[in-house]
Amino acid sequence: MNPPENLIKEIQAAQRFYIVPHVFPDGDAVGSALALAEALESLGKEASVKSRDPLPVQYRFMQKAERFSNDFNFPEAQSSVLIIVDCNTIERTGLKDVKFKKTLVIDHHLMGDLDYETVTEATPADADTNHFSDAHWIVSKSPATGLLIYYLLDALSVKITESMAENMYLAISFDTGTFRYSNTSADSLVVSAKLIGLGVSASYIADKLYNNWSEAKFLLFKQMMSTIEVHLASVSVAVVTDSMFKETGALGEDTENFVNFPLMVDSVKVSVFFREYSPQKWKVSLRSQGGINVAAVAGNFGGGGHKNAAGYRISGTLDEIKGMLLEKLKKAL
């Protein structure tokens, strides 16, 4: 994959950058942002990583993690270039009323304004030419934004350090489920092998991602598992409420992979996870197997994502929002 020439030119011409991931950043967003910031500095430029939300505890082991800041102020915005990573709308970053010199976007999610009822894998997000940014590289077939960052660094002739390699590897590894998900591509494996060749320990990253639970997270997981219901013969529905967080002392970030566990059951084709992050305000995560397009389902509620991994936010009682979602899933199955 080759980055667009206009994106390369915008980066080469600028001196100061703010790199901003999506709200509630995950492994792909964090790894991509940290690797890109270090790469830009290696080219003699200034780069800051700023997030609306703090760095999740599980990523604090990452090299250069100390530069990930949730001081969401941009004193030099008008003379700086904003680079949005791992999302493609301003709303997903949490930015409000900040004007930058220019805005660039690097992402692998479907465009937020596509009609999710009709979108298919043959509708690439990068085909859009009316994006709000000055230059963008949005490749929906890429399994991770971290993979795009690798190709961008290669195009910029950046000498990749071990810390850049580790952060890009974590980004790719996270969004492919350590290369278990159906989005795992040949180039993601080839690039990851190159990153391992630069000193990345694959076992260390996997251990930190999946074998590093706190007691509070484990207690929350137990409570979540007790809520599981099966609907429409193959749809698993699990819930974590605000009161469960208070009882266990767990954090919202502790639920990051909970939605994936029900898919271990062979009869489950869709996993739904409702997380209450404020009274009657919910983050809904959807995962599916095979040809079930949960991005289309999420699009009905203003969300999106990928064919087999999507989500949205919604307000209401649990019974209300569950019923609305099951009606849409009934049509998708």
C-alpha atoms as a PDB file:
ATOM      1  CA  MET A   1       0.000   0.000   0.000  1.00  0.00           C
ATOM      2  CA  ASN A   2       1.255   3.442  -0.905  1.00  0.00           C
ATOM      3  CA  PRO A   3       0.226   6.634   0.925  1.00  0.00           C
ATOM      4  CA  PRO A   4      -1.339   9.383  -1.230  1.00  0.00           C
ATOM      5  CA  GLU A   5       1.185  11.866  -2.590  1.00  0.00           C
ATOM      6  CA  ASN A   6      -0.701  14.841  -1.161  1.00  0.00           C
ATOM      7  CA  LEU A   7      -0.475  13.336   2.332  1.00  0.00           C
ATOM      8  CA  ILE A   8       3.279  12.871   1.970  1.00  0.00           C
ATOM      9  CA  LYS A   9       3.708  16.440   0.711  1.00  0.00           C
ATOM     10  CA  GLU A  10       1.670  17.917   3.565  1.00  0.00           C
ATOM     11  CA  ILE A  11       3.790  16.089   6.134  1.00  0.00           C
ATOM     12  CA  GLN A  12       7.056  17.015   4.461  1.00  0.00           C
ATOM     13  CA  ALA A  13       6.081  20.693   4.252  1.00  0.00           C
ATOM     14  CA  ALA A  14       4.985  21.108   7.873  1.00  0.00           C
ATOM     15  CA  GLN A  15       7.112  21.543  10.991  1.00  0.00           C
ATOM     16  CA  ARG A  16       4.750  21.225  13.959  1.00  0.00           C
ATOM     17  CA  PHE A  17       2.163  18.477  14.500  1.00  0.00           C
ATOM     18  CA  TYR A  18      -0.495  17.479  17.000  1.00  0.00           C
ATOM     19  CA  ILE A  19      -1.420  13.784  16.760  1.00  0.00           C
ATOM     20  CA  VAL A  20      -4.873  12.934  18.141  1.00  0.00           C
ATOM     21  CA  PRO A  21      -6.480   9.451  18.350  1.00  0.00           C
ATOM     22  CA  HIS A  22     -10.143   8.657  18.923  1.00  0.00           C
ATOM     23  CA  VAL A  23     -11.762   8.977  22.339  1.00  0.00           C
ATOM     24  CA  PHE A  24     -11.251   5.991  24.655  1.00  0.00           C
ATOM     25  CA  PRO A  25      -8.092   5.027  22.723  1.00  0.00           C
ATOM     26  CA  ASP A  26      -7.349   1.355  22.105  1.00  0.00           C
ATOM     27  CA  GLY A  27      -4.124  -0.448  21.227  1.00  0.00           C
ATOM     28  CA  ASP A  28      -4.187   0.452  17.542  1.00  0.00           C
ATOM     29  CA  ALA A  29      -4.810   4.133  18.262  1.00  0.00           C
ATOM     30  CA  VAL A  30      -2.145   4.356  20.969  1.00  0.00           C
ATOM     31  CA  GLY A  31       0.522   2.407  19.088  1.00  0.00           C
ATOM     32  CA  SER A  32      -0.087   4.311  15.853  1.00  0.00           C
ATOM     33  CA  ALA A  33       0.063   7.715  17.545  1.00  0.00           C
ATOM     34  CA  LEU A  34       3.246   6.984  19.503  1.00  0.00           C
ATOM     35  CA  ALA A  35       5.085   5.500  16.515  1.00  0.00           C
ATOM     36  CA  LEU A  36       4.102   8.384  14.242  1.00  0.00           C
ATOM     37  CA  ALA A  37       5.145  11.036  16.774  1.00  0.00           C
ATOM     38  CA  GLU A  38       8.587   9.499  17.230  1.00  0.00           C
ATOM     39  CA  ALA A  39       9.003   9.150  13.464  1.00  0.00           C
ATOM     40  CA  LEU A  40       8.163  12.805  12.825  1.00  0.00           C
ATOM     41  CA  GLU A  41      10.662  13.892  15.461  1.00  0.00           C
ATOM     42  CA  SER A  42      13.322  11.738  13.818  1.00  0.00           C
ATOM     43  CA  LEU A  43      12.758  13.885  10.714  1.00  0.00           C
ATOM     44  CA  GLY A  44      13.506  17.041  12.693  1.00  0.00           C
ATOM     45  CA  LYS A  45       9.871  18.001  13.249  1.00  0.00           C
ATOM     46  CA  GLU A  46       7.902  18.745  16.421  1.00  0.00           C
ATOM     47  CA  ALA A  47       5.144  16.312  17.382  1.00  0.00           C
ATOM     48  CA  SER A  48       2.840  15.979  20.390  1.00  0.00           C
ATOM     49  CA  VAL A  49       0.363  13.172  21.099  1.00  0.00           C
ATOM     50  CA  LYS A  50      -2.789  14.492  22.765  1.00  0.00           C
ATOM     51  CA  SER A  51      -5.903  12.570  23.703  1.00  0.00           C
ATOM     52  CA  ARG A  52      -9.181  13.602  25.252  1.00  0.00           C
ATOM     53  CA  ASP A  53      -8.910  10.558  27.496  1.00  0.00           C
ATOM     54  CA  PRO A  54      -5.931   9.317  29.517  1.00  0.00           C
ATOM     55  CA  LEU A  55      -3.716   6.459  28.416  1.00  0.00           C
ATOM     56  CA  PRO A  56      -5.401   3.208  29.516  1.00  0.00           C
ATOM     57  CA  VAL A  57      -3.506   1.374  32.253  1.00  0.00           C
ATOM     58  CA  GLN A  58      -2.863  -1.670  30.073  1.00  0.00           C
ATOM     59  CA  TYR A  59      -0.771   0.387  27.628  1.00  0.00           C
ATOM     60  CA  ARG A  60       1.474   2.138  30.119  1.00  0.00           C
ATOM     61  CA  PHE A  61       4.181  -0.465  29.558  1.00  0.00           C
ATOM     62  CA  MET A  62       4.694   0.722  25.981  1.00  0.00           C
ATOM     63  CA  GLN A  63       7.880   2.444  24.949  1.00  0.00           C
ATOM     64  CA  LYS A  64       7.461   6.244  24.756  1.00  0.00           C
ATOM     65  CA  ALA A  65       4.172   5.929  26.666  1.00  0.00           C
ATOM     66  CA  GLU A  66       5.127   8.972  28.742  1.00  0.00           C
ATOM     67  CA  ARG A  67       4.560  11.231  25.740  1.00  0.00           C
ATOM     68  CA  PHE A  68       0.873  10.263  25.519  1.00  0.00           C
ATOM     69  CA  SER A  69      -0.881  13.244  27.103  1.00  0.00           C
ATOM     70  CA  ASN A  70      -4.489  13.933  28.004  1.00  0.00           C
ATOM     71  CA  ASP A  71      -3.762  17.640  28.419  1.00  0.00           C
ATOM     72  CA  PHE A  72      -6.264  18.406  25.680  1.00  0.00           C
ATOM     73  CA  ASN A  73      -5.119  21.951  24.997  1.00  0.00           C
ATOM     74  CA  PHE A  74      -3.578  23.118  21.729  1.00  0.00           C
ATOM     75  CA  PRO A  75      -1.822  26.457  22.294  1.00  0.00           C
ATOM     76  CA  GLU A  76      -0.139  26.438  18.877  1.00  0.00           C
ATOM     77  CA  ALA A  77      -3.038  25.003  16.885  1.00  0.00           C
ATOM     78  CA  GLN A  78      -3.206  27.725  14.236  1.00  0.00           C
ATOM     79  CA  SER A  79       0.422  27.165  13.242  1.00  0.00           C
ATOM     80  CA  SER A  80       0.279  23.361  13.566  1.00  0.00           C
ATOM     81  CA  VAL A  81      -0.979  20.434  11.518  1.00  0.00           C
ATOM     82  CA  LEU A  82      -3.474  18.088  13.146  1.00  0.00           C
ATOM     83  CA  ILE A  83      -3.082  14.389  12.318  1.00  0.00           C
ATOM     84  CA  ILE A  84      -6.076  12.280  13.318  1.00  0.00           C
ATOM     85  CA  VAL A  85      -5.260   8.583  13.682  1.00  0.00           C
ATOM     86  CA  ASP A  86      -7.558   5.546  13.862  1.00  0.00           C
ATOM     87  CA  CYS A  87     -10.773   7.475  13.229  1.00  0.00           C
ATOM     88  CA  ASN A  88     -11.999   9.733  10.458  1.00  0.00           C
ATOM     89  CA  THR A  89     -14.345  12.293  11.978  1.00  0.00           C
ATOM     90  CA  ILE A  90     -13.653  15.248  14.243  1.00  0.00           C
ATOM     91  CA  GLU A  91     -16.429  14.085  16.558  1.00  0.00           C
ATOM     92  CA  ARG A  92     -14.616  10.812  17.318  1.00  0.00           C
ATOM     93  CA  THR A  93     -11.570  12.714  18.584  1.00  0.00           C
ATOM     94  CA  GLY A  94     -13.492  14.791  21.102  1.00  0.00           C
ATOM     95  CA  LEU A  95     -12.104  18.004  19.597  1.00  0.00           C
ATOM     96  CA  LYS A  96     -14.379  21.044  19.760  1.00  0.00           C
ATOM     97  CA  ASP A  97     -13.890  24.495  18.264  1.00  0.00           C
ATOM     98  CA  VAL A  98     -10.143  24.194  17.677  1.00  0.00           C
ATOM     99  CA  LYS A  99      -8.785  25.529  14.391  1.00  0.00           C
ATOM    100  CA  PHE A 100      -5.575  24.039  13.032  1.00  0.00           C
ATOM    101  CA  LYS A 101      -3.453  25.156  10.119  1.00  0.00           C
ATOM    102  CA  LYS A 102      -4.307  21.916   8.320  1.00  0.00           C
ATOM    103  CA  THR A 103      -5.888  18.562   9.145  1.00  0.00           C
ATOM    104  CA  LEU A 104      -4.698  15.134   7.983  1.00  0.00           C
ATOM    105  CA  VAL A 105      -6.386  11.783   8.618  1.00  0.00           C
ATOM    106  CA  ILE A 106      -4.926   8.254   8.693  1.00  0.00           C
ATOM    107  CA  ASP A 107      -7.460   5.512   9.404  1.00  0.00           C
ATOM    108  CA  HIS A 108      -8.818   2.107   8.428  1.00  0.00           C
ATOM    109  CA  HIS A 109     -12.464   2.416   9.459  1.00  0.00           C
ATOM    110  CA  LEU A 110     -15.400   2.857   7.131  1.00  0.00           C
ATOM    111  CA  MET A 111     -16.303   6.491   6.610  1.00  0.00           C
ATOM    112  CA  GLY A 112     -18.745   7.803   9.189  1.00  0.00           C
ATOM    113  CA  ASP A 113     -21.098   9.252   6.572  1.00  0.00           C
ATOM    114  CA  LEU A 114     -21.523   6.145   4.428  1.00  0.00           C
ATOM    115  CA  ASP A 115     -24.908   4.466   4.171  1.00  0.00           C
ATOM    116  CA  TYR A 116     -24.270   1.418   6.345  1.00  0.00           C
ATOM    117  CA  GLU A 117     -27.318  -0.360   4.965  1.00  0.00           C
ATOM    118  CA  THR A 118     -25.649  -0.641   1.569  1.00  0.00           C
ATOM    119  CA  VAL A 119     -21.940  -0.615   2.382  1.00  0.00           C
ATOM    120  CA  THR A 120     -19.976  -3.740   1.532  1.00  0.00           C
ATOM    121  CA  GLU A 121     -16.337  -4.703   1.462  1.00  0.00           C
ATOM    122  CA  ALA A 122     -16.378  -3.519  -2.155  1.00  0.00           C
ATOM    123  CA  THR A 123     -17.136   0.026  -0.982  1.00  0.00           C
ATOM    124  CA  PRO A 124     -13.712   1.281   0.102  1.00  0.00           C
ATOM    125  CA  ALA A 125     -13.669   4.260   2.438  1.00  0.00           C
ATOM    126  CA  ASP A 126     -10.684   5.670   0.592  1.00  0.00           C
ATOM    127  CA  ALA A 127     -12.869   6.197  -2.495  1.00  0.00           C
ATOM    128  CA  ASP A 128     -14.431   9.256  -0.846  1.00  0.00           C
ATOM    129  CA  THR A 129     -13.161  12.552  -2.249  1.00  0.00           C
ATOM    130  CA  ASN A 130     -15.260  14.948  -0.162  1.00  0.00           C
ATOM    131  CA  HIS A 131     -13.601  14.346   3.189  1.00  0.00           C
ATOM    132  CA  PHE A 132     -13.280  17.342   5.535  1.00  0.00           C
ATOM    133  CA  SER A 133      -9.489  16.967   5.833  1.00  0.00           C
ATOM    134  CA  ASP A 134      -6.776  18.582   3.719  1.00  0.00           C
ATOM    135  CA  ALA A 135      -5.376  15.124   2.977  1.00  0.00           C
ATOM    136  CA  HIS A 136      -6.477  11.696   4.130  1.00  0.00           C
ATOM    137  CA  TRP A 137      -5.535   8.060   3.825  1.00  0.00           C
ATOM    138  CA  ILE A 138      -8.469   5.869   4.809  1.00  0.00           C
ATOM    139  CA  VAL A 139      -8.139   2.236   3.772  1.00  0.00           C
ATOM    140  CA  SER A 140     -10.994   0.090   5.051  1.00  0.00           C
ATOM    141  CA  LYS A 141      -9.330  -3.142   3.918  1.00  0.00           C
ATOM    142  CA  SER A 142      -6.313  -2.520   6.161  1.00  0.00           C
ATOM    143  CA  PRO A 143      -6.559  -4.584   9.359  1.00  0.00           C
ATOM    144  CA  ALA A 144      -5.037  -1.806  11.471  1.00  0.00           C
ATOM    145  CA  THR A 145      -4.052   1.840  11.315  1.00  0.00           C
ATOM    146  CA  GLY A 146      -0.668   0.718  12.621  1.00  0.00           C
ATOM    147  CA  LEU A 147      -0.062  -1.057   9.316  1.00  0.00           C
ATOM    148  CA  LEU A 148      -0.734   2.180   7.420  1.00  0.00           C
ATOM    149  CA  ILE A 149       1.688   3.996   9.717  1.00  0.00           C
ATOM    150  CA  TYR A 150       4.382   1.483   8.768  1.00  0.00           C
ATOM    151  CA  TYR A 151       3.886   2.153   5.052  1.00  0.00           C
ATOM    152  CA  LEU A 152       3.798   5.901   5.705  1.00  0.00           C
ATOM    153  CA  LEU A 153       7.112   5.770   7.568  1.00  0.00           C
ATOM    154  CA  ASP A 154       8.595   3.744   4.744  1.00  0.00           C
ATOM    155  CA  ALA A 155       7.447   6.351   2.211  1.00  0.00           C
ATOM    156  CA  LEU A 156       8.987   9.099   4.360  1.00  0.00           C
ATOM    157  CA  SER A 157      12.303   7.170   4.518  1.00  0.00           C
ATOM    158  CA  VAL A 158      12.170   7.006   8.312  1.00  0.00           C
ATOM    159  CA  LYS A 159      14.735   4.785  10.001  1.00  0.00           C
ATOM    160  CA  ILE A 160      12.537   2.661  12.240  1.00  0.00           C
ATOM    161  CA  THR A 161      13.756   2.345  15.834  1.00  0.00           C
ATOM    162  CA  GLU A 162      12.947  -0.532  18.173  1.00  0.00           C
ATOM    163  CA  SER A 163      10.407   1.622  20.028  1.00  0.00           C
ATOM    164  CA  MET A 164       8.642   2.618  16.791  1.00  0.00           C
ATOM    165  CA  ALA A 165       8.619  -1.041  15.770  1.00  0.00           C
ATOM    166  CA  GLU A 166       7.167  -2.159  19.106  1.00  0.00           C
ATOM    167  CA  ASN A 167       4.387   0.416  18.989  1.00  0.00           C
ATOM    168  CA  MET A 168       3.424  -0.427  15.406  1.00  0.00           C
ATOM    169  CA  TYR A 169       3.542  -4.145  16.189  1.00  0.00           C
ATOM    170  CA  LEU A 170       1.236  -3.653  19.172  1.00  0.00           C
ATOM    171  CA  ALA A 171      -1.169  -1.656  17.001  1.00  0.00           C
ATOM    172  CA  ILE A 172      -1.335  -4.385  14.355  1.00  0.00           C
ATOM    173  CA  SER A 173      -1.413  -7.200  16.893  1.00  0.00           C
ATOM    174  CA  PHE A 174      -4.239  -5.601  18.855  1.00  0.00           C
ATOM    175  CA  ASP A 175      -6.582  -5.007  15.932  1.00  0.00           C
ATOM    176  CA  THR A 176      -6.018  -8.488  14.494  1.00  0.00           C
ATOM    177  CA  GLY A 177      -6.539 -10.186  17.858  1.00  0.00           C
ATOM    178  CA  THR A 178      -2.922 -11.345  17.795  1.00  0.00           C
ATOM    179  CA  PHE A 179      -3.498 -12.485  14.204  1.00  0.00           C
ATOM    180  CA  ARG A 180      -6.571 -14.590  15.059  1.00  0.00           C
ATOM    181  CA  TYR A 181      -9.274 -12.400  13.488  1.00  0.00           C
ATOM    182  CA  SER A 182     -10.513 -12.726   9.923  1.00  0.00           C
ATOM    183  CA  ASN A 183      -9.038  -9.314   9.061  1.00  0.00           C
ATOM    184  CA  THR A 184      -5.498 -10.709   9.400  1.00  0.00           C
ATOM    185  CA  SER A 185      -3.900 -10.163   5.993  1.00  0.00           C
ATOM    186  CA  ALA A 186      -0.730 -11.368   4.345  1.00  0.00           C
ATOM    187  CA  ASP A 187       0.837  -7.921   4.509  1.00  0.00           C
ATOM    188  CA  SER A 188       0.025  -7.588   8.221  1.00  0.00           C
ATOM    189  CA  LEU A 189       1.997 -10.781   8.842  1.00  0.00           C
ATOM    190  CA  VAL A 190       4.874  -9.752   6.576  1.00  0.00           C
ATOM    191  CA  VAL A 191       5.182  -6.322   8.189  1.00  0.00           C
ATOM    192  CA  SER A 192       4.898  -7.791  11.688  1.00  0.00           C
ATOM    193  CA  ALA A 193       7.719 -10.206  10.881  1.00  0.00           C
ATOM    194  CA  LYS A 194       9.861  -7.251   9.804  1.00  0.00           C
ATOM    195  CA  LEU A 195       9.073  -5.468  13.069  1.00  0.00           C
ATOM    196  CA  ILE A 196      10.044  -8.555  15.060  1.00  0.00           C
ATOM    197  CA  GLY A 197      13.277  -8.532  13.096  1.00  0.00           C
ATOM    198  CA  LEU A 198      13.893  -5.027  14.456  1.00  0.00           C
ATOM    199  CA  GLY A 199      13.797  -6.285  18.033  1.00  0.00           C
ATOM    200  CA  VAL A 200      10.130  -6.615  18.984  1.00  0.00           C
ATOM    201  CA  SER A 201       9.298  -9.486  21.352  1.00  0.00           C
ATOM    202  CA  ALA A 202       5.976 -10.923  20.173  1.00  0.00           C
ATOM    203  CA  SER A 203       5.563 -12.990  23.349  1.00  0.00           C
ATOM    204  CA  TYR A 204       6.141  -9.929  25.550  1.00  0.00           C
ATOM    205  CA  ILE A 205       3.478  -7.903  23.734  1.00  0.00           C
ATOM    206  CA  ALA A 206       0.966 -10.773  23.829  1.00  0.00           C
ATOM    207  CA  ASP A 207       1.608 -11.314  27.536  1.00  0.00           C
ATOM    208  CA  LYS A 208       1.092  -7.633  28.333  1.00  0.00           C
ATOM    209  CA  LEU A 209      -2.088  -7.457  26.247  1.00  0.00           C
ATOM    210  CA  TYR A 210      -3.825 -10.602  27.454  1.00  0.00           C
ATOM    211  CA  ASN A 211      -2.235 -11.940  30.660  1.00  0.00           C
ATOM    212  CA  ASN A 212      -2.121  -8.815  32.784  1.00  0.00           C
ATOM    213  CA  TRP A 213      -5.548  -8.541  34.420  1.00  0.00           C
ATOM    214  CA  SER A 214      -6.137  -6.779  37.726  1.00  0.00           C
ATOM    215  CA  GLU A 215      -8.280  -8.462  40.378  1.00  0.00           C
ATOM    216  CA  ALA A 216     -10.941  -5.793  39.837  1.00  0.00           C
ATOM    217  CA  LYS A 217     -11.109  -6.606  36.126  1.00  0.00           C
ATOM    218  CA  PHE A 218     -11.464 -10.315  36.865  1.00  0.00           C
ATOM    219  CA  LEU A 219     -14.297  -9.660  39.328  1.00  0.00           C
ATOM    220  CA  LEU A 220     -16.061  -7.486  36.757  1.00  0.00           C
ATOM    221  CA  PHE A 221     -15.614 -10.201  34.133  1.00  0.00           C
ATOM    222  CA  LYS A 222     -17.289 -12.732  36.453  1.00  0.00           C
ATOM    223  CA  GLN A 223     -20.265 -10.427  36.881  1.00  0.00           C
ATOM    224  CA  MET A 224     -20.478  -9.783  33.139  1.00  0.00           C
ATOM    225  CA  MET A 225     -20.480 -13.512  32.347  1.00  0.00           C
ATOM    226  CA  SER A 226     -23.432 -14.025  34.693  1.00  0.00           C
ATOM    227  CA  THR A 227     -25.525 -11.595  32.619  1.00  0.00           C
ATOM    228  CA  ILE A 228     -25.188 -13.428  29.292  1.00  0.00           C
ATOM    229  CA  GLU A 229     -28.406 -14.195  27.454  1.00  0.00           C
ATOM    230  CA  VAL A 230     -28.870 -15.850  24.071  1.00  0.00           C
ATOM    231  CA  HIS A 231     -31.378 -14.355  21.639  1.00  0.00           C
ATOM    232  CA  LEU A 232     -32.407 -15.326  18.105  1.00  0.00           C
ATOM    233  CA  ALA A 233     -30.610 -18.670  18.628  1.00  0.00           C
ATOM    234  CA  SER A 234     -27.152 -17.252  17.887  1.00  0.00           C
ATOM    235  CA  VAL A 235     -26.884 -13.766  19.435  1.00  0.00           C
ATOM    236  CA  SER A 236     -25.111 -13.462  22.778  1.00  0.00           C
ATOM    237  CA  VAL A 237     -25.963 -10.381  24.852  1.00  0.00           C
ATOM    238  CA  ALA A 238     -23.844  -9.375  27.854  1.00  0.00           C
ATOM    239  CA  VAL A 239     -24.068  -6.343  30.124  1.00  0.00           C
ATOM    240  CA  VAL A 240     -21.892  -4.355  32.507  1.00  0.00           C
ATOM    241  CA  THR A 241     -23.752  -1.690  34.468  1.00  0.00           C
ATOM    242  CA  ASP A 242     -22.540   1.396  36.269  1.00  0.00           C
ATOM    243  CA  SER A 243     -23.215  -0.322  39.603  1.00  0.00           C
ATOM    244  CA  MET A 244     -20.922  -3.234  38.653  1.00  0.00           C
ATOM    245  CA  PHE A 245     -18.033  -0.824  38.154  1.00  0.00           C
ATOM    246  CA  LYS A 246     -18.682   0.649  41.594  1.00  0.00           C
ATOM    247  CA  GLU A 247     -18.925  -2.779  43.249  1.00  0.00           C
ATOM    248  CA  THR A 248     -15.701  -4.136  41.753  1.00  0.00           C
ATOM    249  CA  GLY A 249     -13.594  -0.988  41.467  1.00  0.00           C
ATOM    250  CA  ALA A 250     -12.909  -1.794  37.811  1.00  0.00           C
ATOM    251  CA  LEU A 251     -12.489   0.849  35.115  1.00  0.00           C
ATOM    252  CA  GLY A 252     -14.242   1.277  31.779  1.00  0.00           C
ATOM    253  CA  GLU A 253     -11.025   0.373  29.963  1.00  0.00           C
ATOM    254  CA  ASP A 254     -11.033  -3.008  31.742  1.00  0.00           C
ATOM    255  CA  THR A 255     -13.902  -4.173  29.510  1.00  0.00           C
ATOM    256  CA  GLU A 256     -11.929  -3.724  26.280  1.00  0.00           C
ATOM    257  CA  ASN A 257     -12.026  -7.365  25.094  1.00  0.00           C
ATOM    258  CA  PHE A 258     -15.081  -8.632  26.974  1.00  0.00           C
ATOM    259  CA  VAL A 259     -17.219  -8.646  23.831  1.00  0.00           C
ATOM    260  CA  ASN A 260     -15.007 -11.283  22.211  1.00  0.00           C
ATOM    261  CA  PHE A 261     -15.415 -14.046  24.793  1.00  0.00           C
ATOM    262  CA  PRO A 262     -18.943 -15.262  23.861  1.00  0.00           C
ATOM    263  CA  LEU A 263     -17.723 -15.920  20.299  1.00  0.00           C
ATOM    264  CA  MET A 264     -15.752 -18.849  21.714  1.00  0.00           C
ATOM    265  CA  VAL A 265     -19.071 -20.742  21.786  1.00  0.00           C
ATOM    266  CA  ASP A 266     -19.574 -22.415  18.400  1.00  0.00           C
ATOM    267  CA  SER A 267     -23.289 -21.596  18.186  1.00  0.00           C
ATOM    268  CA  VAL A 268     -22.760 -17.861  18.762  1.00  0.00           C
ATOM    269  CA  LYS A 269     -22.567 -15.848  15.546  1.00  0.00           C
ATOM    270  CA  VAL A 270     -22.986 -12.351  17.017  1.00  0.00           C
ATOM    271  CA  SER A 271     -21.761 -11.043  20.364  1.00  0.00           C
ATOM    272  CA  VAL A 272     -23.323  -7.902  21.825  1.00  0.00           C
ATOM    273  CA  PHE A 273     -21.862  -6.090  24.817  1.00  0.00           C
ATOM    274  CA  PHE A 274     -23.646  -3.231  26.570  1.00  0.00           C
ATOM    275  CA  ARG A 275     -21.443  -1.085  28.831  1.00  0.00           C
ATOM    276  CA  GLU A 276     -23.108   1.607  30.909  1.00  0.00           C
ATOM    277  CA  TYR A 277     -20.609   4.455  31.218  1.00  0.00           C
ATOM    278  CA  SER A 278     -23.052   6.896  32.849  1.00  0.00           C
ATOM    279  CA  PRO A 279     -26.617   6.333  34.109  1.00  0.00           C
ATOM    280  CA  GLN A 280     -28.657   5.139  31.097  1.00  0.00           C
ATOM    281  CA  LYS A 281     -25.846   5.986  28.675  1.00  0.00           C
ATOM    282  CA  TRP A 282     -24.375   2.995  26.903  1.00  0.00           C
ATOM    283  CA  LYS A 283     -21.449   2.013  24.747  1.00  0.00           C
ATOM    284  CA  VAL A 284     -22.560  -0.896  22.574  1.00  0.00           C
ATOM    285  CA  SER A 285     -19.944  -3.217  21.059  1.00  0.00           C
ATOM    286  CA  LEU A 286     -20.784  -5.714  18.313  1.00  0.00           C
ATOM    287  CA  ARG A 287     -18.714  -8.625  17.032  1.00  0.00           C
ATOM    288  CA  SER A 288     -19.705 -11.199  14.436  1.00  0.00           C
ATOM    289  CA  GLN A 289     -18.471 -14.191  12.512  1.00  0.00           C
ATOM    290  CA  GLY A 290     -18.806 -14.954   8.828  1.00  0.00           C
ATOM    291  CA  GLY A 291     -20.924 -12.765   6.599  1.00  0.00           C
ATOM    292  CA  ILE A 292     -22.948 -10.955   9.262  1.00  0.00           C
ATOM    293  CA  ASN A 293     -22.285  -7.230   8.771  1.00  0.00           C
ATOM    294  CA  VAL A 294     -22.463  -5.592  12.198  1.00  0.00           C
ATOM    295  CA  ALA A 295     -21.178  -2.294  10.771  1.00  0.00           C
ATOM    296  CA  ALA A 296     -24.474  -2.042   8.897  1.00  0.00           C
ATOM    297  CA  VAL A 297     -26.359  -2.724  12.119  1.00  0.00           C
ATOM    298  CA  ALA A 298     -24.351  -0.139  14.078  1.00  0.00           C
ATOM    299  CA  GLY A 299     -24.947   2.382  11.306  1.00  0.00           C
ATOM    300  CA  ASN A 300     -28.642   2.381  12.155  1.00  0.00           C
ATOM    301  CA  PHE A 301     -27.727   3.945  15.483  1.00  0.00           C
ATOM    302  CA  GLY A 302     -25.143   6.439  14.260  1.00  0.00           C
ATOM    303  CA  GLY A 303     -22.167   4.140  14.746  1.00  0.00           C
ATOM    304  CA  GLY A 304     -19.959   2.071  12.495  1.00  0.00           C
ATOM    305  CA  GLY A 305     -16.690   0.204  12.294  1.00  0.00           C
ATOM    306  CA  HIS A 306     -15.903  -2.929  10.329  1.00  0.00           C
ATOM    307  CA  LYS A 307     -17.980  -5.766   8.928  1.00  0.00           C
ATOM    308  CA  ASN A 308     -17.214  -8.050  11.887  1.00  0.00           C
ATOM    309  CA  ALA A 309     -16.454  -5.437  14.564  1.00  0.00           C
ATOM    310  CA  ALA A 310     -18.490  -2.298  15.165  1.00  0.00           C
ATOM    311  CA  GLY A 311     -20.118  -0.185  17.824  1.00  0.00           C
ATOM    312  CA  TYR A 312     -22.143   2.866  18.762  1.00  0.00           C
ATOM    313  CA  ARG A 313     -23.333   4.931  21.724  1.00  0.00           C
ATOM    314  CA  ILE A 314     -26.936   5.321  22.801  1.00  0.00           C
ATOM    315  CA  SER A 315     -29.075   6.561  25.686  1.00  0.00           C
ATOM    316  CA  GLY A 316     -32.080   4.829  27.223  1.00  0.00           C
ATOM    317  CA  THR A 317     -33.089   1.991  29.487  1.00  0.00           C
ATOM    318  CA  LEU A 318     -31.407  -1.354  28.923  1.00  0.00           C
ATOM    319  CA  ASP A 319     -34.670  -3.000  27.873  1.00  0.00           C
ATOM    320  CA  GLU A 320     -35.359  -0.250  25.328  1.00  0.00           C
ATOM    321  CA  ILE A 321     -31.971  -0.255  23.645  1.00  0.00           C
ATOM    322  CA  LYS A 322     -31.702  -4.040  23.709  1.00  0.00           C
ATOM    323  CA  GLY A 323     -35.068  -4.405  22.002  1.00  0.00           C
ATOM    324  CA  MET A 324     -34.161  -1.872  19.313  1.00  0.00           C
ATOM    325  CA  LEU A 325     -30.893  -3.645  18.561  1.00  0.00           C
ATOM    326  CA  LEU A 326     -32.404  -7.123  18.443  1.00  0.00           C
ATOM    327  CA  GLU A 327     -34.957  -5.915  15.889  1.00  0.00           C
ATOM    328  CA  LYS A 328     -32.128  -4.796  13.597  1.00  0.00           C
ATOM    329  CA  LEU A 329     -30.110  -7.958  14.211  1.00  0.00           C
ATOM    330  CA  LYS A 330     -33.113 -10.107  13.312  1.00  0.00           C
ATOM    331  CA  LYS A 331     -32.987  -8.609   9.808  1.00  0.00           C
ATOM    332  CA  ALA A 332     -29.213  -9.031   9.537  1.00  0.00           C
ATOM    333  CA  LEU A 333     -29.063 -12.721  10.448  1.00  0.00           C
END
